[in-house]
Amino acid sequence: MTHPEGLDFDELRADISLNYPHIAREQIEHDLRSVLEQLSQKELIAEVKGSNAANDAEVRALDLSHAISHFFISTLLTVRFLGLAALFQLFCFDLTQALGGFRFVHQTVKQWPVTKNQMPNATQSLSAALNHAARYYPKTVLCVQRSAALTCLLRSSGVQAETVIACRKVPFKGHAWVEVSGEVINENPKVQAFYNSVLTRC
């Protein structure tokens, strides 16, 4: 089992042990396995497996979903249907995670381009629209889905946003949020200090 950048269990354990040498190796292994199992059950991480042919099909499906999502999101933002764009983006990432797990979500955000067309007050307007959409979304919107959706909405409005996925090693907890120029968006800024070990930025 690997995390978004490909670290396996032994590498994660070694990294935690290096930073917390006073904690017994057995305790670190137990806590790490527990957290990874929880993340796996929520489909926030997944084992990398499958044939090359299957992987190629996944890539083609991902590219098609990118093109469709870009078209609809761009159209909705152009006509200022921000709430509808936010709902559609939440649905897209819900579907993406259901089809391909966290790996597809990570790839989608990583490849989502920043457009040249800039929307005035995009950060505040789209954050508010996403918060409103999340309240009416039929499923609970988790931090990764929310952050991925907001990041791509902002990039589609000309804002250089990124999703940050980080953890706190003791006790081991994970979280995701959005940053623009290093500033936390639509989230308590203290998350940077609490979840002080960044796993990936995309």
N, C-alpha and C. Protein backbone atom coordinates (compact mmCIF):
# COMPACT_ATOMS: atom_id res chain seq x y z
N MET A 1 0.86 -1.19 0.00
CA MET A 1 0.00 0.00 0.00
C MET A 1 0.89 1.24 0.00
N THR A 2 0.58 2.19 -0.83
CA THR A 2 1.41 3.38 -0.95
C THR A 2 0.58 4.63 -0.76
N HIS A 3 1.25 5.75 -0.44
CA HIS A 3 0.56 7.03 -0.34
C HIS A 3 0.74 7.74 -1.67
N PRO A 4 0.16 8.95 -1.90
CA PRO A 4 0.12 9.55 -3.23
C PRO A 4 1.46 9.64 -3.95
N GLU A 5 2.55 9.82 -3.22
CA GLU A 5 3.83 9.93 -3.90
C GLU A 5 4.57 8.60 -3.95
N GLY A 6 3.94 7.51 -3.48
CA GLY A 6 4.53 6.20 -3.65
C GLY A 6 5.27 5.64 -2.45
N LEU A 7 5.22 6.26 -1.28
CA LEU A 7 5.87 5.72 -0.10
C LEU A 7 5.13 4.45 0.34
N ASP A 8 5.90 3.42 0.67
CA ASP A 8 5.26 2.21 1.17
C ASP A 8 5.25 2.22 2.69
N PHE A 9 4.73 1.15 3.28
CA PHE A 9 4.55 1.09 4.73
C PHE A 9 5.87 1.25 5.47
N ASP A 10 6.90 0.54 5.02
CA ASP A 10 8.19 0.59 5.71
C ASP A 10 8.80 1.99 5.66
N GLU A 11 8.63 2.69 4.54
CA GLU A 11 9.18 4.04 4.42
C GLU A 11 8.44 5.02 5.32
N LEU A 12 7.11 4.87 5.40
CA LEU A 12 6.34 5.72 6.30
C LEU A 12 6.73 5.46 7.75
N ARG A 13 6.86 4.20 8.11
CA ARG A 13 7.25 3.85 9.49
C ARG A 13 8.62 4.40 9.82
N ALA A 14 9.56 4.28 8.87
CA ALA A 14 10.92 4.77 9.10
C ALA A 14 10.93 6.29 9.28
N ASP A 15 10.11 6.98 8.49
CA ASP A 15 10.04 8.44 8.58
C ASP A 15 9.49 8.87 9.94
N ILE A 16 8.43 8.19 10.39
CA ILE A 16 7.85 8.52 11.70
C ILE A 16 8.84 8.19 12.81
N SER A 17 9.50 7.05 12.72
CA SER A 17 10.47 6.65 13.74
C SER A 17 11.62 7.64 13.84
N LEU A 18 12.03 8.19 12.70
CA LEU A 18 13.13 9.15 12.68
C LEU A 18 12.75 10.42 13.43
N ASN A 19 11.49 10.84 13.27
CA ASN A 19 11.04 12.08 13.91
C ASN A 19 10.61 11.88 15.36
N TYR A 20 10.25 10.64 15.71
CA TYR A 20 9.80 10.35 17.07
C TYR A 20 10.54 9.12 17.61
N PRO A 21 11.85 9.25 17.86
CA PRO A 21 12.66 8.10 18.29
C PRO A 21 12.28 7.56 19.67
N HIS A 22 11.58 8.36 20.49
CA HIS A 22 11.22 7.93 21.84
C HIS A 22 10.00 7.01 21.86
N ILE A 23 9.31 6.86 20.72
CA ILE A 23 8.12 6.01 20.66
C ILE A 23 8.53 4.63 20.15
N ALA A 24 8.03 3.59 20.83
CA ALA A 24 8.38 2.21 20.47
C ALA A 24 7.96 1.89 19.05
N ARG A 25 8.81 1.10 18.37
CA ARG A 25 8.52 0.73 16.98
C ARG A 25 7.20 -0.01 16.87
N GLU A 26 6.90 -0.88 17.85
CA GLU A 26 5.66 -1.65 17.80
C GLU A 26 4.44 -0.73 17.88
N GLN A 27 4.54 0.32 18.70
CA GLN A 27 3.42 1.27 18.82
C GLN A 27 3.22 2.04 17.53
N ILE A 28 4.33 2.45 16.90
CA ILE A 28 4.24 3.16 15.63
C ILE A 28 3.60 2.28 14.57
N GLU A 29 4.04 1.02 14.48
CA GLU A 29 3.48 0.10 13.50
C GLU A 29 1.99 -0.11 13.72
N HIS A 30 1.60 -0.28 14.97
CA HIS A 30 0.18 -0.51 15.29
C HIS A 30 -0.67 0.69 14.89
N ASP A 31 -0.22 1.89 15.28
CA ASP A 31 -0.98 3.10 14.97
C ASP A 31 -1.02 3.36 13.46
N LEU A 32 0.11 3.14 12.79
CA LEU A 32 0.18 3.39 11.36
C LEU A 32 -0.73 2.43 10.59
N ARG A 33 -0.72 1.16 10.95
CA ARG A 33 -1.60 0.19 10.28
C ARG A 33 -3.06 0.55 10.50
N SER A 34 -3.40 1.00 11.69
CA SER A 34 -4.77 1.37 12.00
C SER A 34 -5.22 2.55 11.14
N VAL A 35 -4.37 3.57 11.02
CA VAL A 35 -4.72 4.74 10.23
C VAL A 35 -4.83 4.39 8.75
N LEU A 36 -3.88 3.61 8.23
CA LEU A 36 -3.91 3.23 6.83
C LEU A 36 -5.15 2.41 6.49
N GLU A 37 -5.55 1.56 7.44
CA GLU A 37 -6.75 0.76 7.22
C GLU A 37 -7.98 1.66 7.16
N GLN A 38 -8.06 2.65 8.04
CA GLN A 38 -9.19 3.58 8.02
C GLN A 38 -9.22 4.37 6.71
N LEU A 39 -8.06 4.85 6.27
CA LEU A 39 -7.98 5.60 5.02
C LEU A 39 -8.35 4.73 3.83
N SER A 40 -7.94 3.47 3.87
CA SER A 40 -8.26 2.54 2.79
C SER A 40 -9.76 2.27 2.72
N GLN A 41 -10.40 2.10 3.88
CA GLN A 41 -11.84 1.85 3.92
C GLN A 41 -12.62 3.04 3.37
N LYS A 42 -12.09 4.26 3.58
CA LYS A 42 -12.74 5.46 3.06
C LYS A 42 -12.32 5.76 1.62
N GLU A 43 -11.46 4.87 1.05
CA GLU A 43 -10.97 5.00 -0.32
C GLU A 43 -10.15 6.28 -0.53
N LEU A 44 -9.47 6.71 0.56
CA LEU A 44 -8.58 7.85 0.44
C LEU A 44 -7.19 7.41 0.01
N ILE A 45 -6.87 6.13 0.19
CA ILE A 45 -5.66 5.56 -0.35
C ILE A 45 -6.02 4.21 -0.94
N ALA A 46 -5.18 3.70 -1.82
CA ALA A 46 -5.45 2.41 -2.45
C ALA A 46 -4.14 1.76 -2.84
N GLU A 47 -4.15 0.44 -2.85
CA GLU A 47 -2.99 -0.30 -3.32
C GLU A 47 -2.89 -0.16 -4.84
N VAL A 48 -1.67 -0.01 -5.31
CA VAL A 48 -1.43 0.09 -6.75
C VAL A 48 -1.32 -1.31 -7.31
N LYS A 49 -2.25 -1.69 -8.17
CA LYS A 49 -2.22 -3.03 -8.75
C LYS A 49 -2.96 -3.02 -10.07
N GLY A 50 -2.85 -4.12 -10.80
CA GLY A 50 -3.57 -4.22 -12.07
C GLY A 50 -2.62 -4.30 -13.25
N SER A 51 -3.15 -4.72 -14.40
CA SER A 51 -2.35 -4.88 -15.60
C SER A 51 -2.14 -3.55 -16.30
N ASN A 52 -1.19 -3.52 -17.22
CA ASN A 52 -0.95 -2.30 -17.99
C ASN A 52 -2.15 -1.93 -18.84
N ALA A 53 -2.82 -2.94 -19.39
CA ALA A 53 -4.01 -2.68 -20.22
C ALA A 53 -5.10 -2.02 -19.38
N ALA A 54 -5.30 -2.53 -18.18
CA ALA A 54 -6.31 -1.95 -17.29
C ALA A 54 -5.93 -0.53 -16.92
N ASN A 55 -4.65 -0.31 -16.66
CA ASN A 55 -4.20 1.04 -16.31
C ASN A 55 -4.38 2.00 -17.47
N ASP A 56 -4.12 1.54 -18.70
CA ASP A 56 -4.32 2.39 -19.89
C ASP A 56 -5.78 2.76 -20.03
N ALA A 57 -6.67 1.82 -19.79
CA ALA A 57 -8.11 2.09 -19.87
C ALA A 57 -8.51 3.11 -18.82
N GLU A 58 -7.92 3.01 -17.63
CA GLU A 58 -8.21 3.96 -16.57
C GLU A 58 -7.76 5.36 -16.97
N VAL A 59 -6.60 5.45 -17.58
CA VAL A 59 -6.08 6.75 -18.00
C VAL A 59 -6.98 7.38 -19.05
N ARG A 60 -7.43 6.58 -20.02
CA ARG A 60 -8.33 7.10 -21.06
C ARG A 60 -9.65 7.58 -20.45
N ALA A 61 -10.18 6.81 -19.50
CA ALA A 61 -11.42 7.20 -18.84
C ALA A 61 -11.22 8.49 -18.05
N LEU A 62 -10.06 8.61 -17.41
CA LEU A 62 -9.75 9.81 -16.64
C LEU A 62 -9.65 11.03 -17.56
N ASP A 63 -8.98 10.86 -18.70
CA ASP A 63 -8.85 11.97 -19.66
C ASP A 63 -10.21 12.42 -20.17
N LEU A 64 -11.10 11.46 -20.45
CA LEU A 64 -12.45 11.80 -20.93
C LEU A 64 -13.23 12.55 -19.85
N SER A 65 -13.13 12.08 -18.62
CA SER A 65 -13.85 12.75 -17.54
C SER A 65 -13.31 14.16 -17.32
N HIS A 66 -11.98 14.34 -17.52
CA HIS A 66 -11.38 15.67 -17.42
C HIS A 66 -12.00 16.60 -18.45
N ALA A 67 -12.07 16.16 -19.68
CA ALA A 67 -12.58 17.00 -20.76
C ALA A 67 -14.04 17.40 -20.50
N ILE A 68 -14.85 16.44 -20.07
CA ILE A 68 -16.26 16.73 -19.80
C ILE A 68 -16.40 17.70 -18.63
N SER A 69 -15.63 17.45 -17.58
CA SER A 69 -15.70 18.31 -16.40
C SER A 69 -15.26 19.73 -16.73
N HIS A 70 -14.15 19.86 -17.47
CA HIS A 70 -13.67 21.19 -17.85
C HIS A 70 -14.73 21.97 -18.62
N PHE A 71 -15.38 21.30 -19.55
CA PHE A 71 -16.37 21.97 -20.38
C PHE A 71 -17.53 22.49 -19.55
N PHE A 72 -18.11 21.62 -18.70
CA PHE A 72 -19.27 22.02 -17.93
C PHE A 72 -18.91 23.06 -16.87
N ILE A 73 -17.80 22.88 -16.20
CA ILE A 73 -17.40 23.83 -15.16
C ILE A 73 -17.13 25.20 -15.78
N SER A 74 -16.41 25.23 -16.89
CA SER A 74 -16.11 26.50 -17.56
C SER A 74 -17.39 27.20 -17.99
N THR A 75 -18.33 26.43 -18.54
CA THR A 75 -19.60 27.01 -18.99
C THR A 75 -20.39 27.58 -17.83
N LEU A 76 -20.50 26.83 -16.74
CA LEU A 76 -21.28 27.28 -15.58
C LEU A 76 -20.65 28.50 -14.92
N LEU A 77 -19.32 28.54 -14.86
CA LEU A 77 -18.66 29.70 -14.27
C LEU A 77 -18.79 30.93 -15.16
N THR A 78 -18.77 30.72 -16.46
CA THR A 78 -18.90 31.84 -17.39
C THR A 78 -20.24 32.56 -17.21
N VAL A 79 -21.30 31.79 -16.98
CA VAL A 79 -22.62 32.38 -16.81
C VAL A 79 -22.93 32.65 -15.33
N ARG A 80 -21.90 32.50 -14.48
CA ARG A 80 -21.99 32.84 -13.06
C ARG A 80 -22.97 31.96 -12.28
N PHE A 81 -23.15 30.72 -12.73
CA PHE A 81 -23.93 29.76 -11.95
C PHE A 81 -22.98 29.06 -10.97
N LEU A 82 -22.52 29.80 -9.96
CA LEU A 82 -21.47 29.30 -9.07
C LEU A 82 -21.95 28.13 -8.22
N GLY A 83 -23.17 28.22 -7.71
CA GLY A 83 -23.69 27.14 -6.89
C GLY A 83 -23.83 25.85 -7.67
N LEU A 84 -24.32 25.94 -8.89
CA LEU A 84 -24.46 24.76 -9.74
C LEU A 84 -23.10 24.19 -10.11
N ALA A 85 -22.14 25.07 -10.37
CA ALA A 85 -20.78 24.62 -10.68
C ALA A 85 -20.17 23.88 -9.50
N ALA A 86 -20.41 24.39 -8.28
CA ALA A 86 -19.89 23.74 -7.08
C ALA A 86 -20.52 22.37 -6.88
N LEU A 87 -21.84 22.28 -7.07
CA LEU A 87 -22.52 20.98 -6.95
C LEU A 87 -22.00 19.98 -7.97
N PHE A 88 -21.84 20.46 -9.21
CA PHE A 88 -21.34 19.57 -10.27
C PHE A 88 -19.91 19.09 -9.96
N GLN A 89 -19.10 19.99 -9.44
CA GLN A 89 -17.72 19.61 -9.12
C GLN A 89 -17.68 18.60 -7.98
N LEU A 90 -18.53 18.77 -6.98
CA LEU A 90 -18.61 17.78 -5.90
C LEU A 90 -19.03 16.43 -6.44
N PHE A 91 -20.01 16.44 -7.33
CA PHE A 91 -20.47 15.18 -7.93
C PHE A 91 -19.36 14.52 -8.75
N CYS A 92 -18.63 15.32 -9.52
CA CYS A 92 -17.54 14.78 -10.34
C CYS A 92 -16.49 14.08 -9.49
N PHE A 93 -16.12 14.69 -8.38
CA PHE A 93 -15.10 14.06 -7.54
C PHE A 93 -15.67 12.88 -6.74
N ASP A 94 -16.94 12.92 -6.44
CA ASP A 94 -17.60 11.77 -5.83
C ASP A 94 -17.54 10.59 -6.78
N LEU A 95 -17.88 10.84 -8.05
CA LEU A 95 -17.84 9.79 -9.07
C LEU A 95 -16.41 9.33 -9.35
N THR A 96 -15.49 10.27 -9.42
CA THR A 96 -14.08 9.93 -9.67
C THR A 96 -13.54 9.01 -8.59
N GLN A 97 -13.85 9.34 -7.34
CA GLN A 97 -13.36 8.49 -6.25
C GLN A 97 -14.02 7.13 -6.25
N ALA A 98 -15.31 7.09 -6.61
CA ALA A 98 -16.01 5.81 -6.66
C ALA A 98 -15.44 4.90 -7.75
N LEU A 99 -15.03 5.49 -8.87
CA LEU A 99 -14.52 4.70 -10.00
C LEU A 99 -13.05 4.33 -9.85
N GLY A 100 -12.25 5.25 -9.32
CA GLY A 100 -10.81 4.99 -9.29
C GLY A 100 -10.11 5.22 -7.97
N GLY A 101 -10.89 5.54 -6.92
CA GLY A 101 -10.28 5.75 -5.62
C GLY A 101 -9.49 7.05 -5.54
N PHE A 102 -8.73 7.17 -4.47
CA PHE A 102 -7.99 8.40 -4.23
C PHE A 102 -6.98 8.70 -5.34
N ARG A 103 -6.42 7.66 -5.95
CA ARG A 103 -5.40 7.87 -6.99
C ARG A 103 -5.96 8.70 -8.14
N PHE A 104 -7.21 8.42 -8.56
CA PHE A 104 -7.83 9.19 -9.63
C PHE A 104 -8.10 10.63 -9.20
N VAL A 105 -8.55 10.79 -7.95
CA VAL A 105 -8.81 12.14 -7.44
C VAL A 105 -7.51 12.95 -7.45
N HIS A 106 -6.45 12.35 -6.98
CA HIS A 106 -5.14 13.02 -6.92
C HIS A 106 -4.67 13.41 -8.32
N GLN A 107 -4.80 12.50 -9.28
CA GLN A 107 -4.37 12.78 -10.65
C GLN A 107 -5.21 13.88 -11.28
N THR A 108 -6.52 13.87 -11.00
CA THR A 108 -7.41 14.87 -11.57
C THR A 108 -7.03 16.27 -11.11
N VAL A 109 -6.82 16.42 -9.81
CA VAL A 109 -6.45 17.73 -9.27
C VAL A 109 -5.08 18.15 -9.79
N LYS A 110 -4.15 17.22 -9.81
CA LYS A 110 -2.79 17.53 -10.23
C LYS A 110 -2.74 18.02 -11.67
N GLN A 111 -3.62 17.49 -12.52
CA GLN A 111 -3.60 17.83 -13.95
C GLN A 111 -4.55 18.98 -14.30
N TRP A 112 -5.35 19.44 -13.34
CA TRP A 112 -6.32 20.49 -13.64
C TRP A 112 -5.60 21.82 -13.87
N PRO A 113 -5.75 22.45 -15.04
CA PRO A 113 -4.98 23.66 -15.36
C PRO A 113 -5.59 24.93 -14.76
N VAL A 114 -4.77 25.95 -14.66
CA VAL A 114 -5.23 27.28 -14.25
C VAL A 114 -5.57 28.05 -15.51
N THR A 115 -6.80 28.54 -15.61
CA THR A 115 -7.21 29.28 -16.80
C THR A 115 -6.71 30.72 -16.75
N LYS A 116 -6.69 31.35 -17.91
CA LYS A 116 -6.25 32.74 -17.98
C LYS A 116 -7.37 33.71 -17.62
N ASN A 117 -8.61 33.24 -17.73
CA ASN A 117 -9.76 34.10 -17.41
C ASN A 117 -9.94 34.18 -15.90
N GLN A 118 -9.76 35.36 -15.36
CA GLN A 118 -9.85 35.55 -13.91
C GLN A 118 -11.20 36.12 -13.50
N MET A 119 -11.79 35.52 -12.48
CA MET A 119 -13.06 35.99 -11.94
C MET A 119 -12.79 36.91 -10.76
N PRO A 120 -13.41 38.07 -10.72
CA PRO A 120 -13.24 38.97 -9.57
C PRO A 120 -13.74 38.30 -8.27
N ASN A 121 -12.96 38.45 -7.19
CA ASN A 121 -13.33 37.89 -5.88
C ASN A 121 -13.63 36.40 -5.96
N ALA A 122 -12.87 35.70 -6.79
CA ALA A 122 -13.14 34.27 -7.00
C ALA A 122 -13.00 33.46 -5.73
N THR A 123 -11.98 33.74 -4.93
CA THR A 123 -11.73 32.94 -3.74
C THR A 123 -12.90 33.00 -2.77
N GLN A 124 -13.37 34.21 -2.47
CA GLN A 124 -14.49 34.35 -1.54
C GLN A 124 -15.79 33.81 -2.14
N SER A 125 -16.06 34.13 -3.39
CA SER A 125 -17.32 33.72 -4.02
C SER A 125 -17.43 32.21 -4.15
N LEU A 126 -16.35 31.57 -4.60
CA LEU A 126 -16.40 30.12 -4.82
C LEU A 126 -16.35 29.35 -3.51
N SER A 127 -15.64 29.88 -2.50
CA SER A 127 -15.65 29.23 -1.18
C SER A 127 -17.06 29.23 -0.61
N ALA A 128 -17.74 30.37 -0.72
CA ALA A 128 -19.11 30.46 -0.22
C ALA A 128 -20.05 29.54 -1.02
N ALA A 129 -19.86 29.49 -2.32
CA ALA A 129 -20.70 28.63 -3.17
C ALA A 129 -20.50 27.16 -2.82
N LEU A 130 -19.25 26.77 -2.58
CA LEU A 130 -18.98 25.37 -2.25
C LEU A 130 -19.54 25.01 -0.87
N ASN A 131 -19.41 25.90 0.09
CA ASN A 131 -19.98 25.64 1.41
C ASN A 131 -21.49 25.44 1.32
N HIS A 132 -22.14 26.28 0.52
CA HIS A 132 -23.59 26.18 0.33
C HIS A 132 -23.95 24.87 -0.37
N ALA A 133 -23.19 24.53 -1.41
CA ALA A 133 -23.46 23.29 -2.15
C ALA A 133 -23.27 22.06 -1.26
N ALA A 134 -22.26 22.09 -0.41
CA ALA A 134 -21.97 20.95 0.46
C ALA A 134 -23.11 20.69 1.44
N ARG A 135 -23.80 21.76 1.85
CA ARG A 135 -24.92 21.58 2.78
C ARG A 135 -26.08 20.85 2.13
N TYR A 136 -26.23 21.01 0.82
CA TYR A 136 -27.35 20.40 0.12
C TYR A 136 -26.95 19.12 -0.64
N TYR A 137 -25.67 18.80 -0.63
CA TYR A 137 -25.23 17.59 -1.31
C TYR A 137 -25.80 16.37 -0.58
N PRO A 138 -26.30 15.36 -1.29
CA PRO A 138 -26.99 14.25 -0.63
C PRO A 138 -26.10 13.35 0.21
N LYS A 139 -24.78 13.48 0.11
CA LYS A 139 -23.86 12.68 0.91
C LYS A 139 -22.95 13.61 1.71
N THR A 140 -22.37 13.07 2.76
CA THR A 140 -21.42 13.85 3.55
C THR A 140 -20.19 14.15 2.70
N VAL A 141 -19.82 15.41 2.64
CA VAL A 141 -18.66 15.83 1.85
C VAL A 141 -17.42 15.81 2.75
N LEU A 142 -16.49 14.91 2.46
CA LEU A 142 -15.28 14.79 3.27
C LEU A 142 -14.23 15.80 2.79
N CYS A 143 -13.19 15.94 3.59
CA CYS A 143 -12.21 17.00 3.35
C CYS A 143 -11.50 16.88 2.00
N VAL A 144 -11.20 15.66 1.57
CA VAL A 144 -10.49 15.50 0.30
C VAL A 144 -11.38 15.90 -0.87
N GLN A 145 -12.63 15.45 -0.85
CA GLN A 145 -13.58 15.81 -1.91
C GLN A 145 -13.81 17.32 -1.94
N ARG A 146 -14.00 17.92 -0.78
CA ARG A 146 -14.24 19.36 -0.69
C ARG A 146 -13.02 20.14 -1.19
N SER A 147 -11.84 19.74 -0.77
CA SER A 147 -10.63 20.46 -1.16
C SER A 147 -10.34 20.32 -2.65
N ALA A 148 -10.52 19.11 -3.17
CA ALA A 148 -10.30 18.89 -4.60
C ALA A 148 -11.26 19.72 -5.43
N ALA A 149 -12.52 19.74 -5.02
CA ALA A 149 -13.53 20.50 -5.76
C ALA A 149 -13.22 22.00 -5.74
N LEU A 150 -12.88 22.53 -4.57
CA LEU A 150 -12.60 23.96 -4.48
C LEU A 150 -11.33 24.33 -5.25
N THR A 151 -10.31 23.49 -5.17
CA THR A 151 -9.07 23.76 -5.91
C THR A 151 -9.35 23.89 -7.41
N CYS A 152 -10.11 22.95 -7.95
CA CYS A 152 -10.37 22.97 -9.39
C CYS A 152 -11.30 24.11 -9.79
N LEU A 153 -12.25 24.44 -8.94
CA LEU A 153 -13.11 25.60 -9.21
C LEU A 153 -12.27 26.88 -9.26
N LEU A 154 -11.37 27.02 -8.31
CA LEU A 154 -10.52 28.22 -8.27
C LEU A 154 -9.60 28.28 -9.48
N ARG A 155 -9.02 27.16 -9.85
CA ARG A 155 -8.14 27.15 -11.02
C ARG A 155 -8.91 27.48 -12.29
N SER A 156 -10.17 27.05 -12.35
CA SER A 156 -11.00 27.37 -13.51
C SER A 156 -11.40 28.83 -13.54
N SER A 157 -11.11 29.54 -12.45
CA SER A 157 -11.39 30.97 -12.37
C SER A 157 -10.12 31.81 -12.34
N GLY A 158 -8.99 31.17 -12.69
CA GLY A 158 -7.73 31.90 -12.80
C GLY A 158 -6.93 32.02 -11.53
N VAL A 159 -7.29 31.26 -10.50
CA VAL A 159 -6.58 31.32 -9.22
C VAL A 159 -5.64 30.13 -9.09
N GLN A 160 -4.38 30.38 -8.75
CA GLN A 160 -3.37 29.33 -8.60
C GLN A 160 -3.55 28.67 -7.22
N ALA A 161 -4.51 27.77 -7.13
CA ALA A 161 -4.81 27.08 -5.87
C ALA A 161 -4.21 25.68 -5.88
N GLU A 162 -4.01 25.13 -4.70
CA GLU A 162 -3.52 23.76 -4.60
C GLU A 162 -4.14 23.06 -3.40
N THR A 163 -4.34 21.77 -3.56
CA THR A 163 -4.82 20.93 -2.46
C THR A 163 -3.62 20.42 -1.68
N VAL A 164 -3.71 20.54 -0.37
CA VAL A 164 -2.65 20.06 0.52
C VAL A 164 -3.22 18.91 1.34
N ILE A 165 -2.51 17.79 1.34
CA ILE A 165 -2.89 16.64 2.16
C ILE A 165 -1.75 16.40 3.14
N ALA A 166 -2.09 16.43 4.42
CA ALA A 166 -1.05 16.35 5.45
C ALA A 166 -1.54 15.49 6.61
N CYS A 167 -0.62 15.22 7.51
CA CYS A 167 -0.98 14.42 8.68
C CYS A 167 -0.29 14.94 9.93
N ARG A 168 -0.81 14.55 11.04
CA ARG A 168 -0.16 14.75 12.33
C ARG A 168 0.28 13.37 12.77
N LYS A 169 1.55 13.20 13.03
CA LYS A 169 2.09 11.86 13.23
C LYS A 169 1.74 11.26 14.59
N VAL A 170 1.65 12.07 15.62
CA VAL A 170 1.30 11.55 16.94
C VAL A 170 0.33 12.51 17.61
N PRO A 171 -0.95 12.16 17.82
CA PRO A 171 -1.59 10.95 17.28
C PRO A 171 -1.75 11.07 15.76
N PHE A 172 -1.73 9.94 15.07
CA PHE A 172 -1.71 9.94 13.62
C PHE A 172 -3.10 10.28 13.07
N LYS A 173 -3.21 11.47 12.48
CA LYS A 173 -4.46 11.92 11.87
C LYS A 173 -4.15 12.60 10.55
N GLY A 174 -5.08 12.53 9.61
CA GLY A 174 -4.88 13.15 8.31
C GLY A 174 -5.97 14.16 8.00
N HIS A 175 -5.64 15.10 7.11
CA HIS A 175 -6.60 16.13 6.72
C HIS A 175 -6.18 16.71 5.38
N ALA A 176 -7.13 17.35 4.70
CA ALA A 176 -6.85 18.02 3.42
C ALA A 176 -7.47 19.41 3.45
N TRP A 177 -6.81 20.35 2.80
CA TRP A 177 -7.33 21.71 2.71
C TRP A 177 -6.80 22.36 1.44
N VAL A 178 -7.19 23.62 1.19
CA VAL A 178 -6.79 24.35 -0.01
C VAL A 178 -5.93 25.54 0.40
N GLU A 179 -4.88 25.79 -0.39
CA GLU A 179 -4.03 26.95 -0.17
C GLU A 179 -3.89 27.75 -1.46
N VAL A 180 -3.79 29.06 -1.31
CA VAL A 180 -3.48 29.97 -2.41
C VAL A 180 -2.31 30.83 -1.95
N SER A 181 -1.17 30.69 -2.63
CA SER A 181 0.05 31.42 -2.26
C SER A 181 0.42 31.17 -0.80
N GLY A 182 0.25 29.93 -0.35
CA GLY A 182 0.62 29.57 1.01
C GLY A 182 -0.41 29.91 2.06
N GLU A 183 -1.50 30.56 1.68
CA GLU A 183 -2.55 30.95 2.63
C GLU A 183 -3.69 29.93 2.59
N VAL A 184 -4.12 29.49 3.76
CA VAL A 184 -5.21 28.52 3.85
C VAL A 184 -6.53 29.17 3.46
N ILE A 185 -7.28 28.48 2.61
CA ILE A 185 -8.55 29.00 2.10
C ILE A 185 -9.71 28.16 2.64
N ASN A 186 -10.75 28.86 3.12
CA ASN A 186 -11.99 28.18 3.52
C ASN A 186 -11.76 27.15 4.63
N GLU A 187 -10.84 27.46 5.54
CA GLU A 187 -10.45 26.51 6.59
C GLU A 187 -9.74 27.29 7.69
N ASN A 188 -9.74 26.76 8.89
CA ASN A 188 -8.99 27.38 9.98
C ASN A 188 -7.50 27.36 9.64
N PRO A 189 -6.83 28.51 9.63
CA PRO A 189 -5.41 28.54 9.26
C PRO A 189 -4.51 27.73 10.19
N LYS A 190 -5.01 27.36 11.36
CA LYS A 190 -4.21 26.58 12.31
C LYS A 190 -3.96 25.15 11.83
N VAL A 191 -4.66 24.73 10.76
CA VAL A 191 -4.46 23.36 10.27
C VAL A 191 -3.01 23.14 9.83
N GLN A 192 -2.35 24.20 9.35
CA GLN A 192 -0.96 24.08 8.91
C GLN A 192 -0.05 23.67 10.05
N ALA A 193 -0.32 24.19 11.24
CA ALA A 193 0.52 23.87 12.40
C ALA A 193 0.13 22.52 13.00
N PHE A 194 -1.17 22.22 13.01
CA PHE A 194 -1.62 20.97 13.63
C PHE A 194 -1.23 19.77 12.78
N TYR A 195 -1.52 19.85 11.47
CA TYR A 195 -1.14 18.77 10.54
C TYR A 195 0.17 19.19 9.89
N ASN A 196 1.26 18.98 10.61
CA ASN A 196 2.53 19.61 10.24
C ASN A 196 3.44 18.75 9.37
N SER A 197 2.93 17.60 8.91
CA SER A 197 3.72 16.75 8.01
C SER A 197 2.98 16.61 6.69
N VAL A 198 3.40 17.37 5.68
CA VAL A 198 2.71 17.37 4.39
C VAL A 198 3.05 16.11 3.61
N LEU A 199 2.00 15.40 3.18
CA LEU A 199 2.18 14.19 2.39
C LEU A 199 2.27 14.50 0.91
N THR A 200 1.44 15.41 0.44
CA THR A 200 1.46 15.76 -0.98
C THR A 200 0.76 17.10 -1.20
N ARG A 201 1.17 17.77 -2.27
CA ARG A 201 0.49 18.96 -2.77
C ARG A 201 0.16 18.72 -4.23
N CYS A 202 -1.07 19.06 -4.61
CA CYS A 202 -1.45 18.83 -6.00
C CYS A 202 -2.40 19.92 -6.47
